[in-house]
């Protein structure tokens, strides 16, 4: 019994920890290891949300594709997560601002590694 438990612990300790990346359409692969990611079940539009509070960087999975948004305040993120309709909140307050607006991740505003 002790031998089996020891073997199990050794296997678990030697297992490699995978890095999670997502393919953001406008920016290639992004490591979301520093982000807090949540699968969303209460929205028909928003499927996954990953947010890095330190870098104010949001990655959103919508209907199978990911987009990123930079310099998104913690307050805006918290309001997004608490909104009765995440899809409506996203479209009105984040998505419309992302392409060329204030949350656009221009190369000089993209979060570092």
C-alpha atoms as a PDB file:
ATOM      1  CA  UNK A   1       0.000   0.000   0.000  1.00  0.00           C
ATOM      2  CA  UNK A   2       2.781   2.432   0.887  1.00  0.00           C
ATOM      3  CA  UNK A   3       4.628   1.501  -2.296  1.00  0.00           C
ATOM      4  CA  UNK A   4       1.535   2.211  -4.427  1.00  0.00           C
ATOM      5  CA  UNK A   5       0.945   5.549  -2.720  1.00  0.00           C
ATOM      6  CA  UNK A   6       4.604   6.499  -3.177  1.00  0.00           C
ATOM      7  CA  UNK A   7       4.443   5.577  -6.858  1.00  0.00           C
ATOM      8  CA  UNK A   8       1.304   7.661  -7.328  1.00  0.00           C
ATOM      9  CA  UNK A   9       2.903  10.684  -5.662  1.00  0.00           C
ATOM     10  CA  UNK A  10       6.003  10.338  -7.843  1.00  0.00           C
ATOM     11  CA  UNK A  11       3.901  10.124 -11.002  1.00  0.00           C
ATOM     12  CA  UNK A  12       1.930  13.217 -10.012  1.00  0.00           C
ATOM     13  CA  UNK A  13       5.069  15.176  -9.185  1.00  0.00           C
ATOM     14  CA  UNK A  14       6.755  14.264 -12.454  1.00  0.00           C
ATOM     15  CA  UNK A  15       3.755  15.105 -14.633  1.00  0.00           C
ATOM     16  CA  UNK A  16       4.315  18.142 -16.777  1.00  0.00           C
ATOM     17  CA  UNK A  17       2.072  21.118 -16.197  1.00  0.00           C
ATOM     18  CA  UNK A  18       0.524  22.217 -19.465  1.00  0.00           C
ATOM     19  CA  UNK A  19       0.461  25.802 -20.582  1.00  0.00           C
ATOM     20  CA  UNK A  20      -2.906  26.951 -21.814  1.00  0.00           C
ATOM     21  CA  UNK A  21      -2.920  29.083 -24.910  1.00  0.00           C
ATOM     22  CA  UNK A  22      -5.765  30.504 -26.946  1.00  0.00           C
ATOM     23  CA  UNK A  23      -5.670  31.692 -30.528  1.00  0.00           C
ATOM     24  CA  UNK A  24      -6.748  35.317 -30.586  1.00  0.00           C
ATOM     25  CA  UNK A  25      -7.770  36.196 -34.124  1.00  0.00           C
ATOM     26  CA  UNK A  26      -5.964  39.522 -34.269  1.00  0.00           C
ATOM     27  CA  UNK A  27      -2.922  38.615 -32.203  1.00  0.00           C
ATOM     28  CA  UNK A  28      -1.974  34.952 -32.605  1.00  0.00           C
ATOM     29  CA  UNK A  29      -1.472  32.582 -29.683  1.00  0.00           C
ATOM     30  CA  UNK A  30      -1.705  33.959 -26.150  1.00  0.00           C
ATOM     31  CA  UNK A  31      -0.655  32.205 -22.958  1.00  0.00           C
ATOM     32  CA  UNK A  32      -3.464  32.694 -20.458  1.00  0.00           C
ATOM     33  CA  UNK A  33      -1.485  31.309 -17.520  1.00  0.00           C
ATOM     34  CA  UNK A  34      -1.507  34.685 -15.760  1.00  0.00           C
ATOM     35  CA  UNK A  35      -5.220  35.189 -16.446  1.00  0.00           C
ATOM     36  CA  UNK A  36      -8.153  34.121 -14.327  1.00  0.00           C
ATOM     37  CA  UNK A  37     -10.260  32.085 -16.768  1.00  0.00           C
ATOM     38  CA  UNK A  38     -13.911  31.156 -16.368  1.00  0.00           C
ATOM     39  CA  UNK A  39     -16.167  29.043 -18.523  1.00  0.00           C
ATOM     40  CA  UNK A  40     -19.486  30.864 -18.897  1.00  0.00           C
ATOM     41  CA  UNK A  41     -22.700  28.823 -18.847  1.00  0.00           C
ATOM     42  CA  UNK A  42     -25.262  31.586 -18.371  1.00  0.00           C
ATOM     43  CA  UNK A  43     -24.777  33.358 -21.696  1.00  0.00           C
ATOM     44  CA  UNK A  44     -25.729  32.263 -25.189  1.00  0.00           C
ATOM     45  CA  UNK A  45     -23.027  34.508 -26.669  1.00  0.00           C
ATOM     46  CA  UNK A  46     -20.091  34.596 -24.242  1.00  0.00           C
ATOM     47  CA  UNK A  47     -18.519  31.177 -23.719  1.00  0.00           C
ATOM     48  CA  UNK A  48     -15.249  31.892 -21.906  1.00  0.00           C
ATOM     49  CA  UNK A  49     -13.625  34.849 -20.189  1.00  0.00           C
ATOM     50  CA  UNK A  50      -9.968  35.205 -19.185  1.00  0.00           C
ATOM     51  CA  UNK A  51      -8.872  38.338 -17.348  1.00  0.00           C
ATOM     52  CA  UNK A  52      -5.495  39.437 -16.027  1.00  0.00           C
ATOM     53  CA  UNK A  53      -6.157  42.027 -13.312  1.00  0.00           C
ATOM     54  CA  UNK A  54      -2.521  43.123 -13.101  1.00  0.00           C
ATOM     55  CA  UNK A  55      -2.271  43.848 -16.839  1.00  0.00           C
ATOM     56  CA  UNK A  56      -5.930  44.865 -17.343  1.00  0.00           C
ATOM     57  CA  UNK A  57      -6.077  42.402 -20.254  1.00  0.00           C
ATOM     58  CA  UNK A  58      -9.270  40.595 -21.249  1.00  0.00           C
ATOM     59  CA  UNK A  59      -9.639  37.642 -23.612  1.00  0.00           C
ATOM     60  CA  UNK A  60     -13.213  36.665 -24.474  1.00  0.00           C
ATOM     61  CA  UNK A  61     -14.411  33.525 -26.237  1.00  0.00           C
ATOM     62  CA  UNK A  62     -17.513  34.271 -28.270  1.00  0.00           C
ATOM     63  CA  UNK A  63     -19.128  31.613 -30.421  1.00  0.00           C
ATOM     64  CA  UNK A  64     -15.896  29.706 -30.998  1.00  0.00           C
ATOM     65  CA  UNK A  65     -13.412  32.544 -31.524  1.00  0.00           C
ATOM     66  CA  UNK A  66     -11.343  34.638 -29.135  1.00  0.00           C
ATOM     67  CA  UNK A  67     -10.754  38.384 -29.065  1.00  0.00           C
ATOM     68  CA  UNK A  68      -8.585  40.450 -26.765  1.00  0.00           C
ATOM     69  CA  UNK A  69      -9.122  43.811 -25.108  1.00  0.00           C
ATOM     70  CA  UNK A  70      -6.438  45.917 -23.421  1.00  0.00           C
ATOM     71  CA  UNK A  71      -6.580  48.418 -20.568  1.00  0.00           C
ATOM     72  CA  UNK A  72     -10.006  47.181 -19.477  1.00  0.00           C
ATOM     73  CA  UNK A  73     -10.526  48.375 -15.899  1.00  0.00           C
ATOM     74  CA  UNK A  74     -11.246  45.973 -13.062  1.00  0.00           C
ATOM     75  CA  UNK A  75     -14.529  47.813 -12.485  1.00  0.00           C
ATOM     76  CA  UNK A  76     -15.631  47.241 -16.084  1.00  0.00           C
ATOM     77  CA  UNK A  77     -14.648  43.572 -15.856  1.00  0.00           C
ATOM     78  CA  UNK A  78     -16.560  43.104 -12.588  1.00  0.00           C
ATOM     79  CA  UNK A  79     -19.630  44.821 -14.087  1.00  0.00           C
ATOM     80  CA  UNK A  80     -19.351  42.542 -17.148  1.00  0.00           C
ATOM     81  CA  UNK A  81     -19.274  39.436 -14.972  1.00  0.00           C
ATOM     82  CA  UNK A  82     -22.237  40.631 -12.879  1.00  0.00           C
ATOM     83  CA  UNK A  83     -24.377  41.881 -15.777  1.00  0.00           C
ATOM     84  CA  UNK A  84     -27.799  40.248 -16.186  1.00  0.00           C
ATOM     85  CA  UNK A  85     -27.031  39.883 -19.895  1.00  0.00           C
ATOM     86  CA  UNK A  86     -23.320  39.382 -20.495  1.00  0.00           C
ATOM     87  CA  UNK A  87     -23.807  39.501 -24.270  1.00  0.00           C
ATOM     88  CA  UNK A  88     -25.587  42.861 -24.165  1.00  0.00           C
ATOM     89  CA  UNK A  89     -23.069  44.321 -21.745  1.00  0.00           C
ATOM     90  CA  UNK A  90     -20.193  43.063 -23.876  1.00  0.00           C
ATOM     91  CA  UNK A  91     -21.594  44.503 -27.118  1.00  0.00           C
ATOM     92  CA  UNK A  92     -22.419  47.889 -25.602  1.00  0.00           C
ATOM     93  CA  UNK A  93     -19.440  48.455 -23.324  1.00  0.00           C
ATOM     94  CA  UNK A  94     -16.512  46.352 -24.514  1.00  0.00           C
ATOM     95  CA  UNK A  95     -16.881  44.923 -28.018  1.00  0.00           C
ATOM     96  CA  UNK A  96     -17.723  48.191 -29.752  1.00  0.00           C
ATOM     97  CA  UNK A  97     -14.714  49.789 -28.064  1.00  0.00           C
ATOM     98  CA  UNK A  98     -12.311  47.013 -29.066  1.00  0.00           C
ATOM     99  CA  UNK A  99     -11.764  47.274 -32.810  1.00  0.00           C
ATOM    100  CA  UNK A 100     -10.609  50.853 -32.957  1.00  0.00           C
ATOM    101  CA  UNK A 101     -11.754  52.242 -29.618  1.00  0.00           C
ATOM    102  CA  UNK A 102     -10.282  52.567 -26.184  1.00  0.00           C
ATOM    103  CA  UNK A 103      -9.828  48.802 -25.590  1.00  0.00           C
ATOM    104  CA  UNK A 104      -8.034  48.172 -28.883  1.00  0.00           C
ATOM    105  CA  UNK A 105      -4.821  46.216 -28.287  1.00  0.00           C
ATOM    106  CA  UNK A 106      -2.436  48.200 -30.437  1.00  0.00           C
ATOM    107  CA  UNK A 107       1.107  46.845 -30.500  1.00  0.00           C
ATOM    108  CA  UNK A 108       2.307  49.413 -27.932  1.00  0.00           C
ATOM    109  CA  UNK A 109      -0.588  48.541 -25.576  1.00  0.00           C
ATOM    110  CA  UNK A 110      -0.416  44.750 -25.743  1.00  0.00           C
ATOM    111  CA  UNK A 111       0.391  43.057 -22.470  1.00  0.00           C
ATOM    112  CA  UNK A 112       3.877  41.638 -22.101  1.00  0.00           C
ATOM    113  CA  UNK A 113       4.747  37.940 -21.727  1.00  0.00           C
END
